[in-house]
Amino acid sequence: MAHLLIRHKVKDYPAWKNVFDGFIDTRRAGGEKTYQILHTDNDKNNLVALFEWDNIENAQKFANSSELKEAMGNAGVVDHPDVYFLEEYTAGKV
């Protein structure tokens, strides 16, 4: 299973989330299957986004797209994002 993990800081979460939600069709067309948005315990504008993607190649293409860079600018991303492409080894429930 392919995942894309992005960590970045935003000016204002509700404004960022509005742009994020408006970008759903582009994300789905790029291969996104699911997402989770998390924040650090001491800063609700320091976000970690974990996406399940159809494959790593499509995740890389999406993450490097000019559309994503423009959307991040419009959404108020205020730092350089950390981006990771991840392949699952194993999963389980305890």
PDB file of N, CA and C in Angstrom:
ATOM      1  N   MET A   1       0.838  -1.174   0.000  1.00  0.00           N
ATOM      2  CA  MET A   1       0.000   0.000   0.000  1.00  0.00           C
ATOM      3  C   MET A   1       0.888   1.244   0.000  1.00  0.00           C
ATOM      4  N   ALA A   2       0.568   2.219  -0.800  1.00  0.00           N
ATOM      5  CA  ALA A   2       1.342   3.450  -0.941  1.00  0.00           C
ATOM      6  C   ALA A   2       0.732   4.560  -0.081  1.00  0.00           C
ATOM      7  N   HIS A   3       1.614   5.316   0.558  1.00  0.00           N
ATOM      8  CA  HIS A   3       1.176   6.455   1.362  1.00  0.00           C
ATOM      9  C   HIS A   3       2.023   7.678   1.029  1.00  0.00           C
ATOM     10  N   LEU A   4       1.403   8.822   1.215  1.00  0.00           N
ATOM     11  CA  LEU A   4       2.060  10.119   1.100  1.00  0.00           C
ATOM     12  C   LEU A   4       1.864  10.809   2.441  1.00  0.00           C
ATOM     13  N   LEU A   5       2.956  11.256   3.050  1.00  0.00           N
ATOM     14  CA  LEU A   5       2.887  11.974   4.320  1.00  0.00           C
ATOM     15  C   LEU A   5       3.467  13.363   4.107  1.00  0.00           C
ATOM     16  N   ILE A   6       2.699  14.369   4.498  1.00  0.00           N
ATOM     17  CA  ILE A   6       3.144  15.760   4.368  1.00  0.00           C
ATOM     18  C   ILE A   6       2.996  16.439   5.721  1.00  0.00           C
ATOM     19  N   ARG A   7       4.079  17.094   6.168  1.00  0.00           N
ATOM     20  CA  ARG A   7       4.038  17.895   7.388  1.00  0.00           C
ATOM     21  C   ARG A   7       4.309  19.344   7.003  1.00  0.00           C
ATOM     22  N   HIS A   8       3.422  20.230   7.425  1.00  0.00           N
ATOM     23  CA  HIS A   8       3.660  21.648   7.214  1.00  0.00           C
ATOM     24  C   HIS A   8       2.870  22.483   8.201  1.00  0.00           C
ATOM     25  N   LYS A   9       3.283  23.731   8.324  1.00  0.00           N
ATOM     26  CA  LYS A   9       2.620  24.684   9.199  1.00  0.00           C
ATOM     27  C   LYS A   9       1.734  25.597   8.354  1.00  0.00           C
ATOM     28  N   VAL A  10       0.572  25.948   8.895  1.00  0.00           N
ATOM     29  CA  VAL A  10      -0.356  26.828   8.191  1.00  0.00           C
ATOM     30  C   VAL A  10      -0.679  28.043   9.064  1.00  0.00           C
ATOM     31  N   LYS A  11      -1.119  29.126   8.408  1.00  0.00           N
ATOM     32  CA  LYS A  11      -1.499  30.336   9.149  1.00  0.00           C
ATOM     33  C   LYS A  11      -2.738  30.097   9.994  1.00  0.00           C
ATOM     34  N   ASP A  12      -3.740  29.425   9.383  1.00  0.00           N
ATOM     35  CA  ASP A  12      -5.045  29.291  10.027  1.00  0.00           C
ATOM     36  C   ASP A  12      -5.697  27.996   9.537  1.00  0.00           C
ATOM     37  N   TYR A  13      -5.884  27.042  10.449  1.00  0.00           N
ATOM     38  CA  TYR A  13      -6.405  25.737  10.046  1.00  0.00           C
ATOM     39  C   TYR A  13      -7.752  25.820   9.315  1.00  0.00           C
ATOM     40  N   PRO A  14      -8.764  26.525   9.832  1.00  0.00           N
ATOM     41  CA  PRO A  14     -10.048  26.547   9.098  1.00  0.00           C
ATOM     42  C   PRO A  14      -9.915  27.065   7.660  1.00  0.00           C
ATOM     43  N   ALA A  15      -9.085  28.083   7.453  1.00  0.00           N
ATOM     44  CA  ALA A  15      -8.882  28.595   6.087  1.00  0.00           C
ATOM     45  C   ALA A  15      -8.167  27.551   5.236  1.00  0.00           C
ATOM     46  N   TRP A  16      -7.142  26.898   5.813  1.00  0.00           N
ATOM     47  CA  TRP A  16      -6.426  25.839   5.095  1.00  0.00           C
ATOM     48  C   TRP A  16      -7.374  24.705   4.732  1.00  0.00           C
ATOM     49  N   LYS A  17      -8.211  24.288   5.684  1.00  0.00           N
ATOM     50  CA  LYS A  17      -9.120  23.154   5.457  1.00  0.00           C
ATOM     51  C   LYS A  17     -10.131  23.464   4.363  1.00  0.00           C
ATOM     52  N   ASN A  18     -10.548  24.698   4.262  1.00  0.00           N
ATOM     53  CA  ASN A  18     -11.479  25.107   3.207  1.00  0.00           C
ATOM     54  C   ASN A  18     -10.852  24.891   1.828  1.00  0.00           C
ATOM     55  N   VAL A  19      -9.594  25.295   1.659  1.00  0.00           N
ATOM     56  CA  VAL A  19      -8.894  25.081   0.389  1.00  0.00           C
ATOM     57  C   VAL A  19      -8.664  23.587   0.166  1.00  0.00           C
ATOM     58  N   PHE A  20      -8.257  22.871   1.199  1.00  0.00           N
ATOM     59  CA  PHE A  20      -8.036  21.426   1.119  1.00  0.00           C
ATOM     60  C   PHE A  20      -9.295  20.713   0.635  1.00  0.00           C
ATOM     61  N   ASP A  21     -10.432  21.039   1.217  1.00  0.00           N
ATOM     62  CA  ASP A  21     -11.699  20.407   0.822  1.00  0.00           C
ATOM     63  C   ASP A  21     -12.073  20.745  -0.614  1.00  0.00           C
ATOM     64  N   GLY A  22     -11.760  21.949  -1.062  1.00  0.00           N
ATOM     65  CA  GLY A  22     -12.050  22.352  -2.432  1.00  0.00           C
ATOM     66  C   GLY A  22     -11.145  21.693  -3.464  1.00  0.00           C
ATOM     67  N   PHE A  23     -10.099  21.031  -3.001  1.00  0.00           N
ATOM     68  CA  PHE A  23      -9.111  20.392  -3.870  1.00  0.00           C
ATOM     69  C   PHE A  23      -9.347  18.882  -3.987  1.00  0.00           C
ATOM     70  N   ILE A  24     -10.459  18.400  -3.435  1.00  0.00           N
ATOM     71  CA  ILE A  24     -10.699  16.956  -3.350  1.00  0.00           C
ATOM     72  C   ILE A  24     -10.775  16.279  -4.716  1.00  0.00           C
ATOM     73  N   ASP A  25     -11.412  16.898  -5.682  1.00  0.00           N
ATOM     74  CA  ASP A  25     -11.523  16.267  -7.007  1.00  0.00           C
ATOM     75  C   ASP A  25     -10.147  16.089  -7.651  1.00  0.00           C
ATOM     76  N   THR A  26      -9.281  17.073  -7.488  1.00  0.00           N
ATOM     77  CA  THR A  26      -7.922  16.971  -8.030  1.00  0.00           C
ATOM     78  C   THR A  26      -7.151  15.868  -7.320  1.00  0.00           C
ATOM     79  N   ARG A  27      -7.297  15.796  -5.993  1.00  0.00           N
ATOM     80  CA  ARG A  27      -6.605  14.748  -5.234  1.00  0.00           C
ATOM     81  C   ARG A  27      -7.089  13.363  -5.653  1.00  0.00           C
ATOM     82  N   ARG A  28      -8.373  13.187  -5.748  1.00  0.00           N
ATOM     83  CA  ARG A  28      -8.926  11.881  -6.160  1.00  0.00           C
ATOM     84  C   ARG A  28      -8.477  11.495  -7.561  1.00  0.00           C
ATOM     85  N   ALA A  29      -8.498  12.454  -8.477  1.00  0.00           N
ATOM     86  CA  ALA A  29      -8.069  12.181  -9.854  1.00  0.00           C
ATOM     87  C   ALA A  29      -6.596  11.794  -9.900  1.00  0.00           C
ATOM     88  N   GLY A  30      -5.812  12.284  -8.946  1.00  0.00           N
ATOM     89  CA  GLY A  30      -4.401  11.956  -8.879  1.00  0.00           C
ATOM     90  C   GLY A  30      -4.105  10.603  -8.264  1.00  0.00           C
ATOM     91  N   GLY A  31      -5.110   9.986  -7.625  1.00  0.00           N
ATOM     92  CA  GLY A  31      -4.922   8.657  -7.057  1.00  0.00           C
ATOM     93  C   GLY A  31      -5.137   8.538  -5.563  1.00  0.00           C
ATOM     94  N   GLU A  32      -5.549   9.621  -4.900  1.00  0.00           N
ATOM     95  CA  GLU A  32      -5.794   9.548  -3.460  1.00  0.00           C
ATOM     96  C   GLU A  32      -6.966   8.623  -3.158  1.00  0.00           C
ATOM     97  N   LYS A  33      -6.787   7.790  -2.139  1.00  0.00           N
ATOM     98  CA  LYS A  33      -7.845   6.875  -1.697  1.00  0.00           C
ATOM     99  C   LYS A  33      -8.463   7.328  -0.381  1.00  0.00           C
ATOM    100  N   THR A  34      -7.633   7.679   0.602  1.00  0.00           N
ATOM    101  CA  THR A  34      -8.107   8.146   1.908  1.00  0.00           C
ATOM    102  C   THR A  34      -7.131   9.186   2.435  1.00  0.00           C
ATOM    103  N   TYR A  35      -7.552   9.916   3.470  1.00  0.00           N
ATOM    104  CA  TYR A  35      -6.649  10.866   4.126  1.00  0.00           C
ATOM    105  C   TYR A  35      -6.966  10.956   5.611  1.00  0.00           C
ATOM    106  N   GLN A  36      -5.979  11.381   6.363  1.00  0.00           N
ATOM    107  CA  GLN A  36      -6.114  11.751   7.765  1.00  0.00           C
ATOM    108  C   GLN A  36      -5.338  13.041   7.959  1.00  0.00           C
ATOM    109  N   ILE A  37      -5.916  13.985   8.687  1.00  0.00           N
ATOM    110  CA  ILE A  37      -5.233  15.222   9.030  1.00  0.00           C
ATOM    111  C   ILE A  37      -5.042  15.212  10.547  1.00  0.00           C
ATOM    112  N   LEU A  38      -3.811  15.381  10.969  1.00  0.00           N
ATOM    113  CA  LEU A  38      -3.479  15.405  12.390  1.00  0.00           C
ATOM    114  C   LEU A  38      -2.736  16.700  12.692  1.00  0.00           C
ATOM    115  N   HIS A  39      -2.699  17.073  13.971  1.00  0.00           N
ATOM    116  CA  HIS A  39      -1.905  18.229  14.373  1.00  0.00           C
ATOM    117  C   HIS A  39      -1.101  17.852  15.610  1.00  0.00           C
ATOM    118  N   THR A  40      -0.030  18.593  15.830  1.00  0.00           N
ATOM    119  CA  THR A  40       0.765  18.350  17.021  1.00  0.00           C
ATOM    120  C   THR A  40      -0.024  18.779  18.241  1.00  0.00           C
ATOM    121  N   ASP A  41       0.322  18.227  19.398  1.00  0.00           N
ATOM    122  CA  ASP A  41      -0.470  18.487  20.601  1.00  0.00           C
ATOM    123  C   ASP A  41      -0.374  19.923  21.098  1.00  0.00           C
ATOM    124  N   ASN A  42       0.650  20.646  20.697  1.00  0.00           N
ATOM    125  CA  ASN A  42       0.799  22.011  21.200  1.00  0.00           C
ATOM    126  C   ASN A  42       0.592  23.093  20.140  1.00  0.00           C
ATOM    127  N   ASP A  43       0.237  22.696  18.911  1.00  0.00           N
ATOM    128  CA  ASP A  43       0.082  23.695  17.841  1.00  0.00           C
ATOM    129  C   ASP A  43      -0.908  23.170  16.803  1.00  0.00           C
ATOM    130  N   LYS A  44      -2.120  23.679  16.838  1.00  0.00           N
ATOM    131  CA  LYS A  44      -3.171  23.195  15.924  1.00  0.00           C
ATOM    132  C   LYS A  44      -2.965  23.635  14.482  1.00  0.00           C
ATOM    133  N   ASN A  45      -1.957  24.463  14.231  1.00  0.00           N
ATOM    134  CA  ASN A  45      -1.631  24.861  12.863  1.00  0.00           C
ATOM    135  C   ASN A  45      -0.394  24.147  12.328  1.00  0.00           C
ATOM    136  N   ASN A  46       0.165  23.223  13.095  1.00  0.00           N
ATOM    137  CA  ASN A  46       1.286  22.399  12.659  1.00  0.00           C
ATOM    138  C   ASN A  46       0.692  21.042  12.271  1.00  0.00           C
ATOM    139  N   LEU A  47       0.509  20.828  10.978  1.00  0.00           N
ATOM    140  CA  LEU A  47      -0.283  19.707  10.481  1.00  0.00           C
ATOM    141  C   LEU A  47       0.565  18.582   9.920  1.00  0.00           C
ATOM    142  N   VAL A  48       0.042  17.382  10.076  1.00  0.00           N
ATOM    143  CA  VAL A  48       0.564  16.195   9.424  1.00  0.00           C
ATOM    144  C   VAL A  48      -0.601  15.594   8.649  1.00  0.00           C
ATOM    145  N   ALA A  49      -0.422  15.435   7.354  1.00  0.00           N
ATOM    146  CA  ALA A  49      -1.456  14.851   6.499  1.00  0.00           C
ATOM    147  C   ALA A  49      -0.938  13.512   5.988  1.00  0.00           C
ATOM    148  N   LEU A  50      -1.714  12.463   6.253  1.00  0.00           N
ATOM    149  CA  LEU A  50      -1.354  11.123   5.814  1.00  0.00           C
ATOM    150  C   LEU A  50      -2.400  10.659   4.813  1.00  0.00           C
ATOM    151  N   PHE A  51      -1.946  10.341   3.606  1.00  0.00           N
ATOM    152  CA  PHE A  51      -2.829   9.930   2.528  1.00  0.00           C
ATOM    153  C   PHE A  51      -2.521   8.498   2.111  1.00  0.00           C
ATOM    154  N   GLU A  52      -3.549   7.729   1.832  1.00  0.00           N
ATOM    155  CA  GLU A  52      -3.351   6.456   1.135  1.00  0.00           C
ATOM    156  C   GLU A  52      -3.501   6.773  -0.346  1.00  0.00           C
ATOM    157  N   TRP A  53      -2.569   6.274  -1.148  1.00  0.00           N
ATOM    158  CA  TRP A  53      -2.550   6.569  -2.577  1.00  0.00           C
ATOM    159  C   TRP A  53      -2.624   5.267  -3.362  1.00  0.00           C
ATOM    160  N   ASP A  54      -3.067   5.332  -4.598  1.00  0.00           N
ATOM    161  CA  ASP A  54      -3.181   4.109  -5.404  1.00  0.00           C
ATOM    162  C   ASP A  54      -1.823   3.499  -5.718  1.00  0.00           C
ATOM    163  N   ASN A  55      -0.788   4.347  -5.910  1.00  0.00           N
ATOM    164  CA  ASN A  55       0.581   3.852  -6.090  1.00  0.00           C
ATOM    165  C   ASN A  55       1.557   5.002  -5.850  1.00  0.00           C
ATOM    166  N   ILE A  56       2.797   4.641  -5.595  1.00  0.00           N
ATOM    167  CA  ILE A  56       3.831   5.637  -5.268  1.00  0.00           C
ATOM    168  C   ILE A  56       4.072   6.597  -6.428  1.00  0.00           C
ATOM    169  N   GLU A  57       4.058   6.091  -7.642  1.00  0.00           N
ATOM    170  CA  GLU A  57       4.318   6.956  -8.802  1.00  0.00           C
ATOM    171  C   GLU A  57       3.303   8.085  -8.884  1.00  0.00           C
ATOM    172  N   ASN A  58       2.027   7.776  -8.679  1.00  0.00           N
ATOM    173  CA  ASN A  58       0.998   8.813  -8.726  1.00  0.00           C
ATOM    174  C   ASN A  58       1.117   9.774  -7.543  1.00  0.00           C
ATOM    175  N   ALA A  59       1.499   9.256  -6.380  1.00  0.00           N
ATOM    176  CA  ALA A  59       1.712  10.125  -5.216  1.00  0.00           C
ATOM    177  C   ALA A  59       2.848  11.105  -5.489  1.00  0.00           C
ATOM    178  N   GLN A  60       3.931  10.617  -6.084  1.00  0.00           N
ATOM    179  CA  GLN A  60       5.066  11.489  -6.416  1.00  0.00           C
ATOM    180  C   GLN A  60       4.670  12.535  -7.453  1.00  0.00           C
ATOM    181  N   LYS A  61       3.946  12.120  -8.462  1.00  0.00           N
ATOM    182  CA  LYS A  61       3.497  13.050  -9.503  1.00  0.00           C
ATOM    183  C   LYS A  61       2.629  14.148  -8.890  1.00  0.00           C
ATOM    184  N   PHE A  62       1.702  13.749  -8.026  1.00  0.00           N
ATOM    185  CA  PHE A  62       0.824  14.713  -7.374  1.00  0.00           C
ATOM    186  C   PHE A  62       1.621  15.674  -6.486  1.00  0.00           C
ATOM    187  N   ALA A  63       2.502  15.125  -5.654  1.00  0.00           N
ATOM    188  CA  ALA A  63       3.260  15.940  -4.697  1.00  0.00           C
ATOM    189  C   ALA A  63       4.169  16.948  -5.399  1.00  0.00           C
ATOM    190  N   ASN A  64       4.587  16.648  -6.606  1.00  0.00           N
ATOM    191  CA  ASN A  64       5.466  17.545  -7.360  1.00  0.00           C
ATOM    192  C   ASN A  64       4.717  18.439  -8.344  1.00  0.00           C
ATOM    193  N   SER A  65       3.402  18.396  -8.318  1.00  0.00           N
ATOM    194  CA  SER A  65       2.604  19.136  -9.303  1.00  0.00           C
ATOM    195  C   SER A  65       2.534  20.630  -8.984  1.00  0.00           C
ATOM    196  N   SER A  66       2.432  21.418 -10.014  1.00  0.00           N
ATOM    197  CA  SER A  66       2.261  22.862  -9.846  1.00  0.00           C
ATOM    198  C   SER A  66       0.908  23.172  -9.220  1.00  0.00           C
ATOM    199  N   GLU A  67      -0.095  22.327  -9.455  1.00  0.00           N
ATOM    200  CA  GLU A  67      -1.422  22.538  -8.861  1.00  0.00           C
ATOM    201  C   GLU A  67      -1.349  22.455  -7.341  1.00  0.00           C
ATOM    202  N   LEU A  68      -0.598  21.481  -6.830  1.00  0.00           N
ATOM    203  CA  LEU A  68      -0.477  21.353  -5.376  1.00  0.00           C
ATOM    204  C   LEU A  68       0.288  22.541  -4.804  1.00  0.00           C
ATOM    205  N   LYS A  69       1.358  22.943  -5.437  1.00  0.00           N
ATOM    206  CA  LYS A  69       2.130  24.092  -4.941  1.00  0.00           C
ATOM    207  C   LYS A  69       1.255  25.352  -4.889  1.00  0.00           C
ATOM    208  N   GLU A  70       0.454  25.555  -5.930  1.00  0.00           N
ATOM    209  CA  GLU A  70      -0.444  26.714  -5.951  1.00  0.00           C
ATOM    210  C   GLU A  70      -1.491  26.609  -4.845  1.00  0.00           C
ATOM    211  N   ALA A  71      -2.078  25.429  -4.673  1.00  0.00           N
ATOM    212  CA  ALA A  71      -3.093  25.238  -3.630  1.00  0.00           C
ATOM    213  C   ALA A  71      -2.500  25.476  -2.241  1.00  0.00           C
ATOM    214  N   MET A  72      -1.280  25.008  -2.014  1.00  0.00           N
ATOM    215  CA  MET A  72      -0.644  25.233  -0.714  1.00  0.00           C
ATOM    216  C   MET A  72      -0.440  26.721  -0.455  1.00  0.00           C
ATOM    217  N   GLY A  73      -0.048  27.455  -1.468  1.00  0.00           N
ATOM    218  CA  GLY A  73       0.099  28.895  -1.323  1.00  0.00           C
ATOM    219  C   GLY A  73      -1.225  29.560  -1.011  1.00  0.00           C
ATOM    220  N   ASN A  74      -2.280  29.165  -1.719  1.00  0.00           N
ATOM    221  CA  ASN A  74      -3.615  29.717  -1.489  1.00  0.00           C
ATOM    222  C   ASN A  74      -4.157  29.351  -0.114  1.00  0.00           C
ATOM    223  N   ALA A  75      -3.722  28.201   0.417  1.00  0.00           N
ATOM    224  CA  ALA A  75      -4.236  27.711   1.697  1.00  0.00           C
ATOM    225  C   ALA A  75      -3.505  28.298   2.895  1.00  0.00           C
ATOM    226  N   GLY A  76      -2.418  29.019   2.665  1.00  0.00           N
ATOM    227  CA  GLY A  76      -1.705  29.645   3.760  1.00  0.00           C
ATOM    228  C   GLY A  76      -0.641  28.779   4.409  1.00  0.00           C
ATOM    229  N   VAL A  77      -0.017  27.893   3.636  1.00  0.00           N
ATOM    230  CA  VAL A  77       1.118  27.130   4.150  1.00  0.00           C
ATOM    231  C   VAL A  77       2.266  28.111   4.345  1.00  0.00           C
ATOM    232  N   VAL A  78       2.862  28.111   5.551  1.00  0.00           N
ATOM    233  CA  VAL A  78       3.848  29.143   5.890  1.00  0.00           C
ATOM    234  C   VAL A  78       5.281  28.626   6.017  1.00  0.00           C
ATOM    235  N   ASP A  79       5.501  27.354   5.778  1.00  0.00           N
ATOM    236  CA  ASP A  79       6.866  26.845   5.794  1.00  0.00           C
ATOM    237  C   ASP A  79       7.049  25.853   4.662  1.00  0.00           C
ATOM    238  N   HIS A  80       8.278  25.388   4.508  1.00  0.00           N
ATOM    239  CA  HIS A  80       8.552  24.390   3.476  1.00  0.00           C
ATOM    240  C   HIS A  80       8.057  23.034   3.966  1.00  0.00           C
ATOM    241  N   PRO A  81       7.161  22.378   3.236  1.00  0.00           N
ATOM    242  CA  PRO A  81       6.632  21.102   3.699  1.00  0.00           C
ATOM    243  C   PRO A  81       7.687  19.991   3.689  1.00  0.00           C
ATOM    244  N   ASP A  82       7.560  19.107   4.666  1.00  0.00           N
ATOM    245  CA  ASP A  82       8.315  17.854   4.659  1.00  0.00           C
ATOM    246  C   ASP A  82       7.420  16.823   3.983  1.00  0.00           C
ATOM    247  N   VAL A  83       7.940  16.144   2.960  1.00  0.00           N
ATOM    248  CA  VAL A  83       7.142  15.197   2.168  1.00  0.00           C
ATOM    249  C   VAL A  83       7.836  13.840   2.176  1.00  0.00           C
ATOM    250  N   TYR A  84       7.057  12.798   2.473  1.00  0.00           N
ATOM    251  CA  TYR A  84       7.576  11.433   2.494  1.00  0.00           C
ATOM    252  C   TYR A  84       6.672  10.530   1.671  1.00  0.00           C
ATOM    253  N   PHE A  85       7.279   9.669   0.896  1.00  0.00           N
ATOM    254  CA  PHE A  85       6.559   8.645   0.142  1.00  0.00           C
ATOM    255  C   PHE A  85       6.831   7.323   0.853  1.00  0.00           C
ATOM    256  N   LEU A  86       5.782   6.652   1.273  1.00  0.00           N
ATOM    257  CA  LEU A  86       5.920   5.490   2.147  1.00  0.00           C
ATOM    258  C   LEU A  86       5.231   4.271   1.553  1.00  0.00           C
ATOM    259  N   GLU A  87       5.863   3.133   1.708  1.00  0.00           N
ATOM    260  CA  GLU A  87       5.278   1.843   1.329  1.00  0.00           C
ATOM    261  C   GLU A  87       5.070   1.039   2.606  1.00  0.00           C
ATOM    262  N   GLU A  88       3.920   0.452   2.758  1.00  0.00           N
ATOM    263  CA  GLU A  88       3.599  -0.291   3.965  1.00  0.00           C
ATOM    264  C   GLU A  88       4.334  -1.629   4.007  1.00  0.00           C
ATOM    265  N   TYR A  89       4.946  -1.913   5.154  1.00  0.00           N
ATOM    266  CA  TYR A  89       5.517  -3.233   5.420  1.00  0.00           C
ATOM    267  C   TYR A  89       4.453  -4.162   5.988  1.00  0.00           C
ATOM    268  N   THR A  90       3.806  -3.677   7.043  1.00  0.00           N
ATOM    269  CA  THR A  90       2.816  -4.505   7.724  1.00  0.00           C
ATOM    270  C   THR A  90       1.879  -3.594   8.509  1.00  0.00           C
ATOM    271  N   ALA A  91       0.748  -4.121   8.877  1.00  0.00           N
ATOM    272  CA  ALA A  91      -0.231  -3.383   9.683  1.00  0.00           C
ATOM    273  C   ALA A  91      -0.944  -4.381  10.593  1.00  0.00           C
ATOM    274  N   GLY A  92      -1.581  -3.890  11.608  1.00  0.00           N
ATOM    275  CA  GLY A  92      -2.305  -4.782  12.496  1.00  0.00           C
ATOM    276  C   GLY A  92      -3.115  -3.989  13.511  1.00  0.00           C
ATOM    277  N   LYS A  93      -3.888  -4.699  14.261  1.00  0.00           N
ATOM    278  CA  LYS A  93      -4.676  -4.131  15.361  1.00  0.00           C
ATOM    279  C   LYS A  93      -4.328  -4.896  16.618  1.00  0.00           C
ATOM    280  N   VAL A  94      -4.253  -4.167  17.714  1.00  0.00           N
ATOM    281  CA  VAL A  94      -3.903  -4.800  18.983  1.00  0.00           C
ATOM    282  C   VAL A  94      -5.147  -4.958  19.826  1.00  0.00           C
TER     283      VAL A  94
END
